[in-house]
Amino acid sequence: MMGTLATVLAKNKIRTYQDRYKATVTGDIEAVDGVMKITRIHVHYDLKAPAHQHAEARAALDNYITRCPAAQSVIGCIEITHDLALEEYDG
């Protein structure tokens, strides 16, 4: 998922160098009909980008999931949520 979002960001000329882009992933595992299953995944993205690119970064977050092979493989089985924290970066 992180790689797919990075690809969409790159198309908008938003850089995703290691010191500017990271993801923290959490999930829930529950017993479903006696079987342990991953039921939810949440991905929190942190991105440092120039202020004028923040709207494009938010738009990328809203659209990347439809292009993500990993997410598309499990949607319907696992609830996937995500959010993006943006920090201004002028480097």
C-alpha atoms as a PDB file:
ATOM      1  CA  MET A   1       0.000   0.000   0.000  1.00  0.00           C
ATOM      2  CA  MET A   2       2.808   2.368   0.899  1.00  0.00           C
ATOM      3  CA  GLY A   3       4.477   1.750  -2.455  1.00  0.00           C
ATOM      4  CA  THR A   4       1.287   2.373  -4.394  1.00  0.00           C
ATOM      5  CA  LEU A   5       0.686   5.656  -2.589  1.00  0.00           C
ATOM      6  CA  ALA A   6       4.318   6.636  -3.243  1.00  0.00           C
ATOM      7  CA  THR A   7       3.776   5.968  -6.962  1.00  0.00           C
ATOM      8  CA  VAL A   8       0.665   8.160  -7.049  1.00  0.00           C
ATOM      9  CA  LEU A   9       2.494  10.897  -5.121  1.00  0.00           C
ATOM     10  CA  ALA A  10       5.443  10.686  -7.539  1.00  0.00           C
ATOM     11  CA  LYS A  11       3.102  11.269 -10.474  1.00  0.00           C
ATOM     12  CA  ASN A  12       2.260  14.583  -8.795  1.00  0.00           C
ATOM     13  CA  LYS A  13       5.964  15.385  -8.324  1.00  0.00           C
ATOM     14  CA  ILE A  14       5.696  14.820  -4.551  1.00  0.00           C
ATOM     15  CA  ARG A  15       8.912  13.245  -3.299  1.00  0.00           C
ATOM     16  CA  THR A  16       8.802  10.290  -0.915  1.00  0.00           C
ATOM     17  CA  TYR A  17      12.358  10.044   0.319  1.00  0.00           C
ATOM     18  CA  GLN A  18      12.867   8.010   3.500  1.00  0.00           C
ATOM     19  CA  ASP A  19      13.302  11.095   5.649  1.00  0.00           C
ATOM     20  CA  ARG A  20       9.998  12.558   4.346  1.00  0.00           C
ATOM     21  CA  TYR A  21       7.636   9.602   4.082  1.00  0.00           C
ATOM     22  CA  LYS A  22       6.736   6.773   6.438  1.00  0.00           C
ATOM     23  CA  ALA A  23       3.834   4.544   7.370  1.00  0.00           C
ATOM     24  CA  THR A  24       2.781   3.047  10.662  1.00  0.00           C
ATOM     25  CA  VAL A  25       0.501   0.049  10.319  1.00  0.00           C
ATOM     26  CA  THR A  26      -1.737  -1.384  13.016  1.00  0.00           C
ATOM     27  CA  GLY A  27      -4.286  -4.128  12.833  1.00  0.00           C
ATOM     28  CA  ASP A  28      -6.788  -6.197  14.737  1.00  0.00           C
ATOM     29  CA  ILE A  29      -6.832  -9.967  14.943  1.00  0.00           C
ATOM     30  CA  GLU A  30     -10.042 -11.553  16.167  1.00  0.00           C
ATOM     31  CA  ALA A  31     -11.578 -14.987  16.479  1.00  0.00           C
ATOM     32  CA  VAL A  32     -14.181 -15.342  13.745  1.00  0.00           C
ATOM     33  CA  ASP A  33     -16.140 -18.577  13.943  1.00  0.00           C
ATOM     34  CA  GLY A  34     -13.323 -20.038  16.039  1.00  0.00           C
ATOM     35  CA  VAL A  35     -10.579 -19.028  13.588  1.00  0.00           C
ATOM     36  CA  MET A  36      -8.126 -16.213  14.226  1.00  0.00           C
ATOM     37  CA  LYS A  37      -8.391 -13.656  11.404  1.00  0.00           C
ATOM     38  CA  ILE A  38      -7.002 -10.246  10.600  1.00  0.00           C
ATOM     39  CA  THR A  39     -10.185  -8.168  10.572  1.00  0.00           C
ATOM     40  CA  ARG A  40      -8.898  -4.588  10.337  1.00  0.00           C
ATOM     41  CA  ILE A  41      -5.796  -2.789   9.113  1.00  0.00           C
ATOM     42  CA  HIS A  42      -5.133   0.895   9.654  1.00  0.00           C
ATOM     43  CA  VAL A  43      -2.284   2.685   7.887  1.00  0.00           C
ATOM     44  CA  HIS A  44      -1.147   6.052   9.206  1.00  0.00           C
ATOM     45  CA  TYR A  45       1.044   7.916   6.718  1.00  0.00           C
ATOM     46  CA  ASP A  46       3.395  10.766   7.622  1.00  0.00           C
ATOM     47  CA  LEU A  47       4.526  12.954   4.757  1.00  0.00           C
ATOM     48  CA  LYS A  48       6.684  16.057   4.639  1.00  0.00           C
ATOM     49  CA  ALA A  49       5.959  18.112   1.540  1.00  0.00           C
ATOM     50  CA  PRO A  50       5.846  21.754   0.466  1.00  0.00           C
ATOM     51  CA  ALA A  51       2.586  23.433   1.523  1.00  0.00           C
ATOM     52  CA  HIS A  52       1.517  23.981  -2.086  1.00  0.00           C
ATOM     53  CA  GLN A  53       1.486  20.171  -2.593  1.00  0.00           C
ATOM     54  CA  HIS A  54      -0.675  19.289   0.422  1.00  0.00           C
ATOM     55  CA  ALA A  55      -3.968  19.306  -1.496  1.00  0.00           C
ATOM     56  CA  GLU A  56      -2.484  16.997  -4.146  1.00  0.00           C
ATOM     57  CA  ALA A  57      -1.175  14.667  -1.421  1.00  0.00           C
ATOM     58  CA  ARG A  58      -4.643  14.454   0.165  1.00  0.00           C
ATOM     59  CA  ALA A  59      -6.169  13.732  -3.241  1.00  0.00           C
ATOM     60  CA  ALA A  60      -3.607  10.959  -3.785  1.00  0.00           C
ATOM     61  CA  LEU A  61      -4.598   9.376  -0.450  1.00  0.00           C
ATOM     62  CA  ASP A  62      -8.247   9.471  -1.508  1.00  0.00           C
ATOM     63  CA  ASN A  63      -7.536   7.609  -4.756  1.00  0.00           C
ATOM     64  CA  TYR A  64      -4.534   5.288  -4.428  1.00  0.00           C
ATOM     65  CA  ILE A  65      -6.377   2.376  -2.805  1.00  0.00           C
ATOM     66  CA  THR A  66      -8.217   1.544  -6.039  1.00  0.00           C
ATOM     67  CA  ARG A  67      -4.817   0.989  -7.717  1.00  0.00           C
ATOM     68  CA  CYS A  68      -3.239  -1.015  -4.899  1.00  0.00           C
ATOM     69  CA  PRO A  69      -2.943  -4.754  -5.644  1.00  0.00           C
ATOM     70  CA  ALA A  70      -2.523  -5.687  -1.971  1.00  0.00           C
ATOM     71  CA  ALA A  71      -5.536  -3.694  -0.814  1.00  0.00           C
ATOM     72  CA  GLN A  72      -7.699  -4.843  -3.704  1.00  0.00           C
ATOM     73  CA  SER A  73      -6.820  -8.460  -2.896  1.00  0.00           C
ATOM     74  CA  VAL A  74      -8.238  -8.265   0.636  1.00  0.00           C
ATOM     75  CA  ILE A  75     -10.980  -5.619   0.455  1.00  0.00           C
ATOM     76  CA  GLY A  76     -14.181  -7.317   1.457  1.00  0.00           C
ATOM     77  CA  CYS A  77     -12.324  -9.609   3.861  1.00  0.00           C
ATOM     78  CA  ILE A  78     -10.349  -7.061   5.858  1.00  0.00           C
ATOM     79  CA  GLU A  79     -11.472  -3.533   6.688  1.00  0.00           C
ATOM     80  CA  ILE A  80      -8.787  -1.084   5.552  1.00  0.00           C
ATOM     81  CA  THR A  81      -8.578   2.490   6.796  1.00  0.00           C
ATOM     82  CA  HIS A  82      -5.887   5.103   6.372  1.00  0.00           C
ATOM     83  CA  ASP A  83      -5.030   8.671   7.228  1.00  0.00           C
ATOM     84  CA  LEU A  84      -2.346  11.173   6.342  1.00  0.00           C
ATOM     85  CA  ALA A  85      -0.476  13.611   8.550  1.00  0.00           C
ATOM     86  CA  LEU A  86       1.168  16.343   6.505  1.00  0.00           C
ATOM     87  CA  GLU A  87       4.069  18.455   7.633  1.00  0.00           C
ATOM     88  CA  GLU A  88       5.380  21.439   5.723  1.00  0.00           C
ATOM     89  CA  TYR A  89       8.812  20.832   4.205  1.00  0.00           C
ATOM     90  CA  ASP A  90      10.799  23.348   2.212  1.00  0.00           C
ATOM     91  CA  GLY A  91      14.044  21.444   1.729  1.00  0.00           C
END
